[in-house]
Amino acid sequence: MQHIEVNLAQQQLVLRGESDTLLAQYSVSTAANGAGEQMHSECTPRGLHIIRAKIGAGCQPGTVFVGRRPTGECYSPELKQKHPDRDWILTRIMWLSGLEPGCNRLGSVDTMRRYIYIHGAPDEDTMGTPSSHGCIKMHDADLIDLFDRVDVGTRVMIK
């Protein structure tokens, strides 16, 4: 069974298959505020999760999402200039749900209610450096590749 490992220290996401076989490895960007599970912390939650939902299948690269819905916009540097404070969620969303009650599930530590995703980011964003508001950001081409390889229910370990 496939599973995903996110290494916060290395800012890498690894997709593994049967017998822990390495299938793919990607550079990512996690939270600028570091690791943490508390609501409103803007930290990346640790522990075991699953992909609860996959959103955006078939959308064009650069599709802009707000509230998990496509806005009809396609990301460009000009659009970024118009909306400099927007948290860019692009192309695809894999919405995570924690599996560890009291750690990343339920109450004030619930990953899903914190809206923590694996999602696309502008190509000019630097990967390998923490910069997100808690989510796991990827460049569009890498995100599309991962999105097409995994299913809802795929386990994700963030450590």
C-alpha atoms as a PDB file:
ATOM      1  CA  MET A   1       0.000   0.000   0.000  1.00  0.00           C
ATOM      2  CA  GLN A   2       1.300   3.469  -0.904  1.00  0.00           C
ATOM      3  CA  HIS A   3       1.998   6.052   1.775  1.00  0.00           C
ATOM      4  CA  ILE A   4       3.479   9.533   2.030  1.00  0.00           C
ATOM      5  CA  GLU A   5       6.165  10.761   4.405  1.00  0.00           C
ATOM      6  CA  VAL A   6       6.749  14.489   4.943  1.00  0.00           C
ATOM      7  CA  ASN A   7      10.073  15.370   6.569  1.00  0.00           C
ATOM      8  CA  LEU A   8       9.790  18.833   8.119  1.00  0.00           C
ATOM      9  CA  ALA A   9      13.526  19.213   8.764  1.00  0.00           C
ATOM     10  CA  GLN A  10      14.434  18.353   5.164  1.00  0.00           C
ATOM     11  CA  GLN A  11      11.363  20.006   3.576  1.00  0.00           C
ATOM     12  CA  GLN A  12      10.774  16.886   1.516  1.00  0.00           C
ATOM     13  CA  LEU A  13       7.791  14.738   0.671  1.00  0.00           C
ATOM     14  CA  VAL A  14       8.401  11.106  -0.254  1.00  0.00           C
ATOM     15  CA  LEU A  15       5.909   8.712  -1.841  1.00  0.00           C
ATOM     16  CA  ARG A  16       6.560   5.089  -0.958  1.00  0.00           C
ATOM     17  CA  GLY A  17       5.011   1.895  -2.254  1.00  0.00           C
ATOM     18  CA  GLU A  18       4.932  -1.733  -1.180  1.00  0.00           C
ATOM     19  CA  SER A  19       7.842  -2.759   1.055  1.00  0.00           C
ATOM     20  CA  ASP A  20       8.721   0.941   1.516  1.00  0.00           C
ATOM     21  CA  THR A  21       9.940   1.226  -2.097  1.00  0.00           C
ATOM     22  CA  LEU A  22      10.755   4.814  -3.045  1.00  0.00           C
ATOM     23  CA  LEU A  23       8.353   5.873  -5.819  1.00  0.00           C
ATOM     24  CA  ALA A  24       8.897   9.638  -5.873  1.00  0.00           C
ATOM     25  CA  GLN A  25      10.521  12.445  -3.911  1.00  0.00           C
ATOM     26  CA  TYR A  26       9.608  16.135  -3.994  1.00  0.00           C
ATOM     27  CA  SER A  27      10.853  19.356  -2.448  1.00  0.00           C
ATOM     28  CA  VAL A  28       8.091  21.088  -0.439  1.00  0.00           C
ATOM     29  CA  SER A  29       7.525  24.091   1.781  1.00  0.00           C
ATOM     30  CA  THR A  30       5.864  23.650   5.173  1.00  0.00           C
ATOM     31  CA  ALA A  31       4.940  26.215   7.846  1.00  0.00           C
ATOM     32  CA  ALA A  32       7.087  29.273   8.435  1.00  0.00           C
ATOM     33  CA  ASN A  33       5.994  28.926  12.095  1.00  0.00           C
ATOM     34  CA  GLY A  34       7.357  25.363  12.308  1.00  0.00           C
ATOM     35  CA  ALA A  35       5.614  22.265  13.591  1.00  0.00           C
ATOM     36  CA  GLY A  36       2.558  22.363  15.823  1.00  0.00           C
ATOM     37  CA  GLU A  37      -0.990  21.192  16.086  1.00  0.00           C
ATOM     38  CA  GLN A  38      -2.924  24.023  17.775  1.00  0.00           C
ATOM     39  CA  MET A  39      -5.784  25.762  15.965  1.00  0.00           C
ATOM     40  CA  HIS A  40      -4.771  29.208  14.591  1.00  0.00           C
ATOM     41  CA  SER A  41      -1.044  28.484  15.121  1.00  0.00           C
ATOM     42  CA  GLU A  42      -0.208  28.481  11.385  1.00  0.00           C
ATOM     43  CA  CYS A  43       2.056  25.500  12.124  1.00  0.00           C
ATOM     44  CA  THR A  44       2.277  22.225  10.203  1.00  0.00           C
ATOM     45  CA  PRO A  45       0.699  19.388  12.232  1.00  0.00           C
ATOM     46  CA  ARG A  46       2.764  16.292  12.944  1.00  0.00           C
ATOM     47  CA  GLY A  47       1.746  12.667  13.131  1.00  0.00           C
ATOM     48  CA  LEU A  48      -0.303  10.240  11.099  1.00  0.00           C
ATOM     49  CA  HIS A  49      -2.924  11.598   8.687  1.00  0.00           C
ATOM     50  CA  ILE A  50      -4.915  10.451   5.683  1.00  0.00           C
ATOM     51  CA  ILE A  51      -5.886  12.240   2.513  1.00  0.00           C
ATOM     52  CA  ARG A  52      -9.563  12.873   3.297  1.00  0.00           C
ATOM     53  CA  ALA A  53     -10.440  14.544  -0.018  1.00  0.00           C
ATOM     54  CA  LYS A  54      -8.860  15.299  -3.388  1.00  0.00           C
ATOM     55  CA  ILE A  55     -10.053  18.510  -5.018  1.00  0.00           C
ATOM     56  CA  GLY A  56      -9.307  19.950  -8.454  1.00  0.00           C
ATOM     57  CA  ALA A  57      -8.883  16.887 -10.665  1.00  0.00           C
ATOM     58  CA  GLY A  58      -8.665  18.066 -14.256  1.00  0.00           C
ATOM     59  CA  CYS A  59      -8.188  21.752 -13.416  1.00  0.00           C
ATOM     60  CA  GLN A  60      -5.567  23.609 -15.408  1.00  0.00           C
ATOM     61  CA  PRO A  61      -2.191  24.223 -13.738  1.00  0.00           C
ATOM     62  CA  GLY A  62      -2.359  27.572 -11.951  1.00  0.00           C
ATOM     63  CA  THR A  63      -6.084  27.356 -11.196  1.00  0.00           C
ATOM     64  CA  VAL A  64      -6.706  29.556  -8.139  1.00  0.00           C
ATOM     65  CA  PHE A  65      -8.755  28.124  -5.257  1.00  0.00           C
ATOM     66  CA  VAL A  66     -10.445  30.044  -2.451  1.00  0.00           C
ATOM     67  CA  GLY A  67     -12.461  28.077   0.082  1.00  0.00           C
ATOM     68  CA  ARG A  68     -11.590  24.898  -1.869  1.00  0.00           C
ATOM     69  CA  ARG A  69     -13.437  26.192  -4.944  1.00  0.00           C
ATOM     70  CA  PRO A  70     -11.894  27.379  -8.224  1.00  0.00           C
ATOM     71  CA  THR A  71     -12.291  31.156  -8.571  1.00  0.00           C
ATOM     72  CA  GLY A  72     -12.126  31.148 -12.374  1.00  0.00           C
ATOM     73  CA  GLU A  73      -8.710  32.830 -12.149  1.00  0.00           C
ATOM     74  CA  CYS A  74      -5.415  31.430 -13.363  1.00  0.00           C
ATOM     75  CA  TYR A  75      -2.339  32.448 -11.367  1.00  0.00           C
ATOM     76  CA  SER A  76       0.072  34.933 -12.914  1.00  0.00           C
ATOM     77  CA  PRO A  77       2.632  37.392 -11.524  1.00  0.00           C
ATOM     78  CA  GLU A  78       0.216  40.174 -12.545  1.00  0.00           C
ATOM     79  CA  LEU A  79      -2.589  38.585 -10.498  1.00  0.00           C
ATOM     80  CA  LYS A  80      -0.192  38.301  -7.545  1.00  0.00           C
ATOM     81  CA  GLN A  81       0.519  42.056  -7.816  1.00  0.00           C
ATOM     82  CA  LYS A  82      -3.235  42.761  -7.683  1.00  0.00           C
ATOM     83  CA  HIS A  83      -3.629  40.540  -4.571  1.00  0.00           C
ATOM     84  CA  PRO A  84      -0.294  40.713  -2.695  1.00  0.00           C
ATOM     85  CA  ASP A  85      -1.682  39.339   0.594  1.00  0.00           C
ATOM     86  CA  ARG A  86      -3.497  36.316  -0.823  1.00  0.00           C
ATOM     87  CA  ASP A  87      -2.433  32.859   0.383  1.00  0.00           C
ATOM     88  CA  TRP A  88      -2.100  31.189  -3.035  1.00  0.00           C
ATOM     89  CA  ILE A  89      -3.702  27.743  -3.203  1.00  0.00           C
ATOM     90  CA  LEU A  90      -3.265  26.513  -6.761  1.00  0.00           C
ATOM     91  CA  THR A  91      -4.004  23.630  -9.135  1.00  0.00           C
ATOM     92  CA  ARG A  92      -4.978  20.780  -6.758  1.00  0.00           C
ATOM     93  CA  ILE A  93      -5.814  20.258  -3.081  1.00  0.00           C
ATOM     94  CA  MET A  94      -5.334  17.139  -0.982  1.00  0.00           C
ATOM     95  CA  TRP A  95      -7.159  17.839   2.284  1.00  0.00           C
ATOM     96  CA  LEU A  96      -5.594  16.088   5.283  1.00  0.00           C
ATOM     97  CA  SER A  97      -7.339  14.588   8.297  1.00  0.00           C
ATOM     98  CA  GLY A  98      -5.498  13.542  11.452  1.00  0.00           C
ATOM     99  CA  LEU A  99      -5.762   9.981  12.758  1.00  0.00           C
ATOM    100  CA  GLU A 100      -4.480  10.553  16.306  1.00  0.00           C
ATOM    101  CA  PRO A 101      -7.156  11.829  18.757  1.00  0.00           C
ATOM    102  CA  GLY A 102      -5.738  14.526  21.022  1.00  0.00           C
ATOM    103  CA  CYS A 103      -2.651  14.937  18.811  1.00  0.00           C
ATOM    104  CA  ASN A 104      -3.989  15.935  15.375  1.00  0.00           C
ATOM    105  CA  ARG A 105      -7.671  14.950  15.542  1.00  0.00           C
ATOM    106  CA  LEU A 106     -10.630  16.467  17.402  1.00  0.00           C
ATOM    107  CA  GLY A 107     -10.771  19.497  19.671  1.00  0.00           C
ATOM    108  CA  SER A 108      -8.297  22.340  19.223  1.00  0.00           C
ATOM    109  CA  VAL A 109      -5.782  20.173  17.329  1.00  0.00           C
ATOM    110  CA  ASP A 110      -7.975  18.882  14.485  1.00  0.00           C
ATOM    111  CA  THR A 111      -5.991  18.970  11.223  1.00  0.00           C
ATOM    112  CA  MET A 112      -9.070  18.823   9.003  1.00  0.00           C
ATOM    113  CA  ARG A 113     -10.839  21.674  10.811  1.00  0.00           C
ATOM    114  CA  ARG A 114      -7.593  23.665  10.510  1.00  0.00           C
ATOM    115  CA  TYR A 115      -7.878  23.263   6.702  1.00  0.00           C
ATOM    116  CA  ILE A 116      -4.419  21.743   6.306  1.00  0.00           C
ATOM    117  CA  TYR A 117      -3.748  20.706   2.703  1.00  0.00           C
ATOM    118  CA  ILE A 118      -1.088  19.532   0.344  1.00  0.00           C
ATOM    119  CA  HIS A 119      -1.562  22.107  -2.417  1.00  0.00           C
ATOM    120  CA  GLY A 120       0.030  23.898  -5.332  1.00  0.00           C
ATOM    121  CA  ALA A 121       2.012  27.106  -5.067  1.00  0.00           C
ATOM    122  CA  PRO A 122       3.385  29.642  -7.550  1.00  0.00           C
ATOM    123  CA  ASP A 123       6.448  28.401  -9.425  1.00  0.00           C
ATOM    124  CA  GLU A 124       8.434  31.390  -8.183  1.00  0.00           C
ATOM    125  CA  ASP A 125       7.881  30.281  -4.555  1.00  0.00           C
ATOM    126  CA  THR A 126      10.996  28.656  -3.142  1.00  0.00           C
ATOM    127  CA  MET A 127      10.610  25.038  -2.111  1.00  0.00           C
ATOM    128  CA  GLY A 128      12.904  23.564   0.521  1.00  0.00           C
ATOM    129  CA  THR A 129      12.338  26.548   2.820  1.00  0.00           C
ATOM    130  CA  PRO A 130       9.465  26.791   5.336  1.00  0.00           C
ATOM    131  CA  SER A 131       7.078  29.547   4.213  1.00  0.00           C
ATOM    132  CA  SER A 132       3.461  28.323   4.400  1.00  0.00           C
ATOM    133  CA  HIS A 133       0.653  29.106   6.846  1.00  0.00           C
ATOM    134  CA  GLY A 134       0.597  25.445   7.947  1.00  0.00           C
ATOM    135  CA  CYS A 135      -0.053  23.603   4.705  1.00  0.00           C
ATOM    136  CA  ILE A 136       2.401  21.602   2.617  1.00  0.00           C
ATOM    137  CA  LYS A 137       3.083  23.545  -0.587  1.00  0.00           C
ATOM    138  CA  MET A 138       4.428  22.040  -3.801  1.00  0.00           C
ATOM    139  CA  HIS A 139       5.190  23.330  -7.281  1.00  0.00           C
ATOM    140  CA  ASP A 140       2.359  22.560  -9.693  1.00  0.00           C
ATOM    141  CA  ALA A 141       4.095  19.892 -11.812  1.00  0.00           C
ATOM    142  CA  ASP A 142       5.143  17.944  -8.702  1.00  0.00           C
ATOM    143  CA  LEU A 143       1.690  18.310  -7.144  1.00  0.00           C
ATOM    144  CA  ILE A 144      -0.086  17.043 -10.261  1.00  0.00           C
ATOM    145  CA  ASP A 145       2.286  14.062 -10.405  1.00  0.00           C
ATOM    146  CA  LEU A 146       1.609  13.194  -6.741  1.00  0.00           C
ATOM    147  CA  PHE A 147      -2.149  13.852  -7.025  1.00  0.00           C
ATOM    148  CA  ASP A 148      -2.408  11.417  -9.939  1.00  0.00           C
ATOM    149  CA  ARG A 149      -0.497   8.694  -8.035  1.00  0.00           C
ATOM    150  CA  VAL A 150      -2.452   8.632  -4.753  1.00  0.00           C
ATOM    151  CA  ASP A 151      -6.012   7.953  -3.679  1.00  0.00           C
ATOM    152  CA  VAL A 152      -8.309   9.289  -0.981  1.00  0.00           C
ATOM    153  CA  GLY A 153      -7.371   7.341   2.152  1.00  0.00           C
ATOM    154  CA  THR A 154      -3.626   7.353   1.453  1.00  0.00           C
ATOM    155  CA  ARG A 155      -1.729   7.653   4.735  1.00  0.00           C
ATOM    156  CA  VAL A 156       0.493  10.672   5.308  1.00  0.00           C
ATOM    157  CA  MET A 157       3.092  10.730   8.110  1.00  0.00           C
ATOM    158  CA  ILE A 158       4.384  14.204   8.968  1.00  0.00           C
ATOM    159  CA  LYS A 159       7.496  14.201  11.149  1.00  0.00           C
END
